[in-house]
Structure formats: structure tokens, C-alpha cells
Amino acid sequence: MVVASGTSGRRLDSITEHLLGRLKTAGVKGMHAEGRQSGEWVLVDAGDVIVHLFRPEFREHYAIEKLWEAEFSNRVSQEAWPA
């Protein structure tokens, strides 16, 4: 999973377009982008990799990185102190 930011809806769309082009050139098939019209949060599904592109205020609001941080912290804690 990749999480990145763009400063405006137009910039998010530009990043998405560039990313889709590079993935196509690399031979990735079946890619899909959702949310381009909203200009707030774009999700690019490239198969094994998911890319989330946010405007900064939406990235802060949804804070999806924190979901993974909590899971990672929980796993590390359990590995360090097994029951």
C-alpha cells in the first residue's frame, strides 16, 4: 500500500494520470482508479499494490496510516511478549 498527497484535485488527477501511464508502460494489467471526480481521495488499484492519493486535509481526516500503525504495534507487542 502506498499513501501520498497532492495539494489540489487537479494535482491528484495529474498524479493519477502519470501513475496509470507508468504502470501501463511497466506492463501492469487490469488497473483501475476510483474517486478522480471528487478531487479529494483517489484510489488506484494496481493488483498487488494499492495507491491512495489524498488532498492533505482528507489524508489527515481519514488517517489510514494509523490503522496500519496500530496493527504493526500490536504484532510487535505480541511477538516481544508472547503469552
Protein backbone atom coordinates (compact mmCIF):
# COMPACT_ATOMS: atom_id res chain seq x y z
CA MET A 1 0.00 0.00 0.00
CA VAL A 2 1.23 3.47 -0.90
CA VAL A 3 -0.21 6.65 0.61
CA ALA A 4 0.62 10.03 -0.91
CA SER A 5 -0.73 13.58 -1.05
CA GLY A 6 -1.41 16.17 -3.71
CA THR A 7 -2.20 19.80 -2.96
CA SER A 8 -5.33 20.07 -5.14
CA GLY A 9 -7.87 17.99 -7.01
CA ARG A 10 -6.17 18.92 -10.26
CA ARG A 11 -2.82 17.77 -8.94
CA LEU A 12 -4.32 14.48 -7.72
CA ASP A 13 -5.73 13.88 -11.18
CA SER A 14 -2.36 14.67 -12.76
CA ILE A 15 -0.54 12.30 -10.38
CA THR A 16 -3.14 9.61 -11.11
CA GLU A 17 -2.79 10.04 -14.87
CA HIS A 18 1.02 9.87 -14.65
CA LEU A 19 0.90 6.81 -12.37
CA LEU A 20 -1.53 4.95 -14.65
CA GLY A 21 0.69 5.73 -17.64
CA ARG A 22 3.83 4.45 -15.89
CA LEU A 23 2.05 1.31 -14.71
CA LYS A 24 0.79 0.64 -18.24
CA THR A 25 4.32 1.10 -19.62
CA ALA A 26 5.57 -1.36 -16.98
CA GLY A 27 3.05 -3.92 -18.26
CA VAL A 28 0.61 -3.85 -15.34
CA LYS A 29 -2.81 -5.03 -16.49
CA GLY A 30 -6.26 -4.52 -15.01
CA MET A 31 -5.54 -1.25 -13.19
CA HIS A 32 -8.42 0.85 -12.02
CA ALA A 33 -8.71 4.32 -10.47
CA GLU A 34 -11.67 5.46 -8.38
CA GLY A 35 -12.57 8.86 -6.98
CA ARG A 36 -10.99 11.05 -9.64
CA GLN A 37 -14.11 13.17 -9.98
CA SER A 38 -14.23 14.10 -6.29
CA GLY A 39 -10.72 15.57 -6.21
CA GLU A 40 -10.40 14.58 -2.55
CA TRP A 41 -9.22 10.97 -2.45
CA VAL A 42 -8.19 8.77 -5.38
CA LEU A 43 -7.65 5.04 -5.05
CA VAL A 44 -5.56 3.31 -7.70
CA ASP A 45 -5.85 -0.48 -7.71
CA ALA A 46 -2.82 -1.92 -9.49
CA GLY A 47 -3.31 -5.53 -8.43
CA ASP A 48 -0.69 -6.28 -5.80
CA VAL A 49 -0.31 -2.58 -4.97
CA ILE A 50 -3.00 -0.15 -3.84
CA VAL A 51 -2.23 3.57 -4.04
CA HIS A 52 -4.20 6.13 -2.01
CA LEU A 53 -3.83 9.74 -3.14
CA PHE A 54 -5.28 12.39 -0.85
CA ARG A 55 -5.51 16.13 -0.56
CA PRO A 56 -3.72 16.88 2.74
CA GLU A 57 -6.85 17.73 4.76
CA PHE A 58 -8.52 14.46 3.71
CA ARG A 59 -5.38 12.45 4.40
CA GLU A 60 -5.28 13.93 7.90
CA HIS A 61 -9.01 13.34 8.42
CA TYR A 62 -9.03 9.67 7.37
CA ALA A 63 -5.54 8.92 8.78
CA ILE A 64 -5.43 5.46 7.21
CA GLU A 65 -1.73 5.15 8.09
CA LYS A 66 -2.77 4.99 11.75
CA LEU A 67 -4.81 1.86 11.09
CA TRP A 68 -1.66 0.09 9.95
CA GLU A 69 0.47 1.58 12.74
CA ALA A 70 -1.90 0.15 15.35
CA GLU A 71 -1.79 -3.30 13.72
CA PHE A 72 2.00 -3.20 13.48
CA SER A 73 2.35 -2.10 17.11
CA ASN A 74 0.01 -4.86 18.23
CA ARG A 75 2.00 -7.51 16.33
CA VAL A 76 5.34 -6.27 17.66
CA SER A 77 3.96 -6.24 21.20
CA GLN A 78 2.67 -9.80 20.88
CA GLU A 79 5.96 -11.03 19.40
CA ALA A 80 8.02 -9.37 22.14
CA TRP A 81 5.82 -10.70 24.96
CA PRO A 82 4.27 -14.00 23.90
CA ALA A 83 1.53 -15.37 26.12
